[in-house]
């Protein structure tokens, strides 16, 4: 399948469904583009037994490129930690909008006649 692509203005949404008898307290997914560019998705409580939705809003400041999952972990309310497999089908790409190289186009002009 093709890699998901996101542009400035998009929101990346990841739903994580975990199970734990004492409840989920934190979830962290880190996606890394290169050594210094990361996007962190994190849930830091409150303790829940429901699926967790992680979101990240892509902006004009988001560095374009392919982001690969480099860490995926969760803790429960008793601080027990699980590290999960890093699946490549969750990777994504951020692409910039095409650069605008054309001047404005004229749609219409309406000269209103307000004389009495």
N, C-alpha and C. Protein backbone atom coordinates (compact mmCIF):
# COMPACT_ATOMS: atom_id res chain seq x y z
N UNK A 1 0.84 -1.20 0.00
CA UNK A 1 0.00 0.00 0.00
C UNK A 1 0.88 1.25 0.00
N UNK A 2 0.35 2.31 -0.57
CA UNK A 2 1.13 3.54 -0.64
C UNK A 2 1.22 4.19 0.74
N UNK A 3 2.34 4.88 0.97
CA UNK A 3 2.53 5.56 2.24
C UNK A 3 1.57 6.74 2.36
N UNK A 4 1.02 6.93 3.54
CA UNK A 4 0.13 8.07 3.76
C UNK A 4 0.91 9.37 3.64
N UNK A 5 0.27 10.34 2.99
CA UNK A 5 0.89 11.66 2.83
C UNK A 5 0.02 12.72 3.50
N UNK A 6 0.68 13.65 4.16
CA UNK A 6 -0.02 14.75 4.83
C UNK A 6 0.59 16.07 4.41
N UNK A 7 -0.27 17.10 4.36
CA UNK A 7 0.16 18.45 3.97
C UNK A 7 -0.14 19.42 5.10
N UNK A 8 0.47 20.61 5.07
CA UNK A 8 0.13 21.63 6.08
C UNK A 8 -1.39 21.84 6.13
N UNK A 9 -1.93 21.86 7.33
CA UNK A 9 -3.36 21.98 7.53
C UNK A 9 -4.01 20.66 7.87
N UNK A 10 -3.34 19.53 7.51
CA UNK A 10 -3.89 18.21 7.84
C UNK A 10 -3.63 17.88 9.31
N UNK A 11 -4.46 17.02 9.85
CA UNK A 11 -4.23 16.47 11.18
C UNK A 11 -4.00 14.97 11.04
N UNK A 12 -2.87 14.50 11.58
CA UNK A 12 -2.57 13.07 11.60
C UNK A 12 -3.25 12.49 12.84
N UNK A 13 -4.09 11.49 12.66
CA UNK A 13 -4.83 10.89 13.77
C UNK A 13 -4.51 9.40 13.86
N UNK A 14 -4.09 8.95 15.04
CA UNK A 14 -3.76 7.55 15.26
C UNK A 14 -4.59 7.06 16.44
N UNK A 15 -5.37 6.00 16.22
CA UNK A 15 -6.12 5.42 17.33
C UNK A 15 -5.40 4.17 17.81
N UNK A 16 -5.13 4.11 19.10
CA UNK A 16 -4.41 2.99 19.71
C UNK A 16 -5.36 2.29 20.68
N UNK A 17 -5.56 1.01 20.44
CA UNK A 17 -6.46 0.23 21.28
C UNK A 17 -5.63 -0.74 22.12
N UNK A 18 -5.53 -0.48 23.41
CA UNK A 18 -4.71 -1.27 24.32
C UNK A 18 -5.60 -1.88 25.39
N UNK A 19 -5.07 -2.92 26.05
CA UNK A 19 -5.83 -3.58 27.10
C UNK A 19 -4.92 -3.75 28.31
N UNK A 20 -5.43 -3.37 29.48
CA UNK A 20 -4.64 -3.55 30.71
C UNK A 20 -5.59 -3.54 31.90
N UNK A 21 -5.39 -4.48 32.83
CA UNK A 21 -6.37 -4.59 33.92
C UNK A 21 -6.31 -3.41 34.88
N UNK A 22 -5.18 -2.69 34.95
CA UNK A 22 -5.13 -1.53 35.85
C UNK A 22 -5.28 -0.20 35.10
N UNK A 23 -5.48 -0.26 33.79
CA UNK A 23 -5.73 0.97 33.03
C UNK A 23 -4.47 1.53 32.40
N UNK A 24 -4.65 2.17 31.25
CA UNK A 24 -3.52 2.75 30.51
C UNK A 24 -3.27 4.16 31.02
N UNK A 25 -2.01 4.47 31.36
CA UNK A 25 -1.69 5.82 31.83
C UNK A 25 -0.99 6.65 30.75
N UNK A 26 -0.04 6.06 30.03
CA UNK A 26 0.67 6.81 28.99
C UNK A 26 0.84 5.97 27.74
N UNK A 27 0.85 6.64 26.61
CA UNK A 27 1.19 6.02 25.33
C UNK A 27 2.12 6.99 24.62
N UNK A 28 3.18 6.46 24.02
CA UNK A 28 4.06 7.31 23.24
C UNK A 28 4.42 6.62 21.93
N UNK A 29 4.23 7.35 20.83
CA UNK A 29 4.70 6.91 19.51
C UNK A 29 5.59 8.02 18.98
N UNK A 30 6.84 7.67 18.67
CA UNK A 30 7.79 8.65 18.13
C UNK A 30 8.12 8.27 16.70
N UNK A 31 7.92 9.22 15.80
CA UNK A 31 8.27 9.03 14.39
C UNK A 31 9.47 9.91 14.09
N UNK A 32 10.48 9.33 13.42
CA UNK A 32 11.75 10.02 13.20
C UNK A 32 12.00 10.16 11.71
N UNK A 33 12.34 11.40 11.30
CA UNK A 33 12.67 11.64 9.89
C UNK A 33 14.17 11.46 9.66
N UNK A 34 14.95 11.96 10.58
CA UNK A 34 16.40 11.81 10.50
C UNK A 34 16.89 11.93 11.93
N UNK A 35 18.17 12.15 12.15
CA UNK A 35 18.66 12.11 13.52
C UNK A 35 18.03 13.16 14.43
N UNK A 36 17.68 14.33 13.88
CA UNK A 36 17.20 15.38 14.77
C UNK A 36 15.75 15.78 14.57
N UNK A 37 15.05 15.22 13.59
CA UNK A 37 13.67 15.63 13.37
C UNK A 37 12.73 14.52 13.79
N UNK A 38 11.96 14.77 14.85
CA UNK A 38 11.01 13.76 15.32
C UNK A 38 9.64 14.40 15.48
N UNK A 39 8.61 13.57 15.35
CA UNK A 39 7.25 13.97 15.72
C UNK A 39 6.81 12.99 16.78
N UNK A 40 6.44 13.53 17.95
CA UNK A 40 5.99 12.71 19.07
C UNK A 40 4.47 12.77 19.18
N UNK A 41 3.86 11.61 19.25
CA UNK A 41 2.45 11.52 19.59
C UNK A 41 2.42 10.95 21.01
N UNK A 42 1.81 11.66 21.95
CA UNK A 42 1.80 11.11 23.30
C UNK A 42 0.49 11.36 24.02
N UNK A 43 0.16 10.39 24.85
CA UNK A 43 -0.99 10.48 25.76
C UNK A 43 -0.41 10.37 27.15
N UNK A 44 -0.72 11.33 28.02
CA UNK A 44 -0.10 11.38 29.35
C UNK A 44 -1.14 11.34 30.46
N UNK A 45 -2.20 10.57 30.27
CA UNK A 45 -3.22 10.46 31.29
C UNK A 45 -4.40 11.37 30.98
N UNK A 46 -5.47 11.26 31.74
CA UNK A 46 -5.66 10.40 32.91
C UNK A 46 -5.77 8.92 32.53
N UNK A 47 -5.69 8.05 33.56
CA UNK A 47 -5.77 6.61 33.35
C UNK A 47 -7.10 6.27 32.67
N UNK A 48 -7.03 5.43 31.64
CA UNK A 48 -8.23 5.10 30.87
C UNK A 48 -8.25 3.63 30.51
N UNK A 49 -9.45 3.14 30.25
CA UNK A 49 -9.63 1.78 29.73
C UNK A 49 -10.16 1.83 28.29
N UNK A 50 -10.26 3.03 27.73
CA UNK A 50 -10.81 3.24 26.40
C UNK A 50 -9.69 3.32 25.36
N UNK A 51 -10.02 3.12 24.06
CA UNK A 51 -9.02 3.39 23.01
C UNK A 51 -8.55 4.85 23.11
N UNK A 52 -7.29 5.06 22.76
CA UNK A 52 -6.67 6.38 22.90
C UNK A 52 -6.43 6.95 21.52
N UNK A 53 -6.82 8.19 21.31
CA UNK A 53 -6.61 8.87 20.03
C UNK A 53 -5.46 9.85 20.17
N UNK A 54 -4.44 9.66 19.33
CA UNK A 54 -3.28 10.55 19.31
C UNK A 54 -3.38 11.40 18.05
N UNK A 55 -3.12 12.71 18.18
CA UNK A 55 -3.20 13.57 17.00
C UNK A 55 -1.98 14.48 16.91
N UNK A 56 -1.68 14.89 15.68
CA UNK A 56 -0.63 15.88 15.43
C UNK A 56 -1.07 16.72 14.24
N UNK A 57 -1.05 18.04 14.43
CA UNK A 57 -1.46 18.95 13.36
C UNK A 57 -0.22 19.32 12.53
N UNK A 58 -0.30 19.08 11.23
CA UNK A 58 0.80 19.42 10.32
C UNK A 58 0.69 20.91 9.99
N UNK A 59 1.80 21.64 10.13
CA UNK A 59 1.79 23.08 9.86
C UNK A 59 2.84 23.40 8.80
N UNK A 60 2.90 24.68 8.44
CA UNK A 60 3.93 25.13 7.50
C UNK A 60 5.33 24.93 8.09
N UNK A 61 5.42 24.78 9.42
CA UNK A 61 6.72 24.60 10.07
C UNK A 61 7.14 23.12 10.08
N UNK A 62 6.23 22.22 9.72
CA UNK A 62 6.57 20.79 9.75
C UNK A 62 7.56 20.48 8.64
N UNK A 63 8.64 19.81 9.00
CA UNK A 63 9.67 19.50 8.00
C UNK A 63 9.18 18.39 7.08
N UNK A 64 9.23 18.61 5.75
CA UNK A 64 8.80 17.56 4.83
C UNK A 64 9.76 16.38 4.84
N UNK A 65 9.23 15.21 4.51
CA UNK A 65 10.05 14.02 4.46
C UNK A 65 9.29 12.81 4.96
N UNK A 66 9.96 11.66 4.95
CA UNK A 66 9.36 10.41 5.41
C UNK A 66 9.68 10.23 6.89
N UNK A 67 8.64 9.96 7.67
CA UNK A 67 8.78 9.75 9.11
C UNK A 67 8.54 8.28 9.42
N UNK A 68 9.53 7.65 10.07
CA UNK A 68 9.45 6.22 10.39
C UNK A 68 9.29 6.05 11.91
N UNK A 69 8.44 5.11 12.27
CA UNK A 69 8.20 4.86 13.69
C UNK A 69 9.49 4.37 14.35
N UNK A 70 9.93 5.08 15.40
CA UNK A 70 11.19 4.70 16.06
C UNK A 70 11.01 4.31 17.52
N UNK A 71 9.84 4.60 18.09
CA UNK A 71 9.55 4.15 19.46
C UNK A 71 8.04 4.05 19.62
N UNK A 72 7.59 3.01 20.32
CA UNK A 72 6.16 2.81 20.56
C UNK A 72 6.05 2.10 21.89
N UNK A 73 5.59 2.82 22.91
CA UNK A 73 5.52 2.23 24.23
C UNK A 73 4.31 2.74 24.99
N UNK A 74 3.94 1.99 26.01
CA UNK A 74 2.82 2.38 26.85
C UNK A 74 3.11 1.95 28.28
N UNK A 75 2.51 2.68 29.23
CA UNK A 75 2.61 2.28 30.63
C UNK A 75 1.20 2.21 31.21
N UNK A 76 1.05 1.36 32.24
CA UNK A 76 -0.24 1.28 32.92
C UNK A 76 -0.18 2.08 34.21
N UNK A 77 -1.29 2.07 34.94
CA UNK A 77 -1.37 2.90 36.14
C UNK A 77 -0.43 2.42 37.24
N UNK A 78 0.11 1.20 37.11
CA UNK A 78 1.09 0.70 38.08
C UNK A 78 2.52 0.85 37.57
N UNK A 79 2.69 1.64 36.51
CA UNK A 79 4.00 1.96 35.93
C UNK A 79 4.65 0.77 35.21
N UNK A 80 3.89 -0.28 34.93
CA UNK A 80 4.42 -1.36 34.09
C UNK A 80 4.50 -0.85 32.66
N UNK A 81 5.58 -1.20 31.98
CA UNK A 81 5.84 -0.66 30.65
C UNK A 81 5.85 -1.77 29.59
N UNK A 82 5.26 -1.46 28.44
CA UNK A 82 5.33 -2.37 27.28
C UNK A 82 5.92 -1.61 26.11
N UNK A 83 6.85 -2.26 25.40
CA UNK A 83 7.37 -1.72 24.14
C UNK A 83 6.80 -2.58 23.02
N UNK A 84 6.26 -1.92 21.98
CA UNK A 84 5.58 -2.64 20.91
C UNK A 84 6.42 -2.66 19.64
N UNK A 85 6.14 -3.63 18.75
CA UNK A 85 6.89 -3.70 17.48
C UNK A 85 6.72 -2.43 16.66
N UNK A 86 7.76 -2.08 15.92
CA UNK A 86 7.76 -0.86 15.10
C UNK A 86 7.39 -1.25 13.68
N UNK A 87 6.11 -1.15 13.36
CA UNK A 87 5.64 -1.58 12.04
C UNK A 87 5.80 -0.46 11.02
N UNK A 88 6.35 -0.81 9.87
CA UNK A 88 6.61 0.21 8.86
C UNK A 88 5.33 0.68 8.17
N UNK A 89 4.23 -0.10 8.28
CA UNK A 89 3.01 0.36 7.61
C UNK A 89 2.36 1.52 8.36
N UNK A 90 2.93 1.95 9.47
CA UNK A 90 2.44 3.14 10.16
C UNK A 90 3.26 4.38 9.78
N UNK A 91 4.33 4.21 9.01
CA UNK A 91 5.15 5.36 8.60
C UNK A 91 4.33 6.29 7.72
N UNK A 92 4.75 7.54 7.64
CA UNK A 92 4.01 8.51 6.82
C UNK A 92 4.98 9.54 6.26
N UNK A 93 4.47 10.30 5.29
CA UNK A 93 5.29 11.34 4.66
C UNK A 93 4.58 12.68 4.78
N UNK A 94 5.36 13.70 5.08
CA UNK A 94 4.83 15.07 5.06
C UNK A 94 5.35 15.74 3.79
N UNK A 95 4.43 16.26 3.00
CA UNK A 95 4.81 16.93 1.75
C UNK A 95 4.33 18.37 1.83
N UNK A 96 5.14 19.27 1.27
CA UNK A 96 4.75 20.68 1.23
C UNK A 96 3.75 20.89 0.10
N UNK A 97 2.97 21.93 0.23
CA UNK A 97 2.13 22.34 -0.89
C UNK A 97 3.03 22.74 -2.04
N UNK A 98 2.56 22.56 -3.28
CA UNK A 98 3.36 23.04 -4.41
C UNK A 98 3.57 24.55 -4.28
N UNK A 99 4.75 24.99 -4.70
CA UNK A 99 5.07 26.41 -4.60
C UNK A 99 4.28 27.18 -5.65
N UNK A 100 3.64 28.27 -5.24
CA UNK A 100 2.83 29.10 -6.13
C UNK A 100 3.75 29.99 -6.95
N UNK A 101 3.76 29.77 -8.28
CA UNK A 101 4.64 30.56 -9.15
C UNK A 101 3.86 31.42 -10.13
N UNK A 102 2.52 31.49 -9.97
CA UNK A 102 1.71 32.26 -10.90
C UNK A 102 1.03 33.42 -10.19
N UNK A 103 0.82 34.50 -10.96
CA UNK A 103 0.10 35.66 -10.43
C UNK A 103 -1.38 35.39 -10.35
N UNK A 104 -2.13 36.32 -9.73
CA UNK A 104 -3.58 36.14 -9.60
C UNK A 104 -4.26 36.03 -10.95
N UNK A 105 -5.34 35.24 -10.99
CA UNK A 105 -6.19 35.13 -12.18
C UNK A 105 -7.44 35.96 -11.95
N UNK A 106 -7.91 36.60 -13.01
CA UNK A 106 -9.11 37.43 -12.90
C UNK A 106 -10.35 36.57 -13.09
N UNK A 107 -11.24 36.57 -12.10
CA UNK A 107 -12.50 35.86 -12.23
C UNK A 107 -13.57 36.78 -12.81
N UNK A 108 -13.78 37.93 -12.19
CA UNK A 108 -14.79 38.86 -12.71
C UNK A 108 -14.59 40.23 -12.09
N UNK A 109 -15.16 41.22 -12.75
CA UNK A 109 -15.20 42.58 -12.22
C UNK A 109 -16.64 43.03 -12.32
N UNK A 110 -17.15 43.62 -11.26
CA UNK A 110 -18.53 44.11 -11.27
C UNK A 110 -18.53 45.56 -10.85
N UNK A 111 -18.78 46.47 -11.80
CA UNK A 111 -18.88 47.89 -11.48
C UNK A 111 -20.33 48.18 -11.13
N UNK A 112 -20.59 48.50 -9.90
CA UNK A 112 -21.97 48.70 -9.46
C UNK A 112 -22.45 50.11 -9.79
N UNK A 113 -23.65 50.21 -10.27
CA UNK A 113 -24.25 51.50 -10.63
C UNK A 113 -25.15 51.94 -9.49
N UNK A 114 -24.62 52.91 -8.67
CA UNK A 114 -25.38 53.34 -7.49
C UNK A 114 -26.03 54.71 -7.70
N UNK A 115 -26.10 55.15 -8.95
CA UNK A 115 -26.73 56.46 -9.16
C UNK A 115 -28.23 56.37 -8.97
N UNK A 116 -28.82 57.45 -8.46
CA UNK A 116 -30.28 57.44 -8.24
C UNK A 116 -31.00 57.97 -9.46
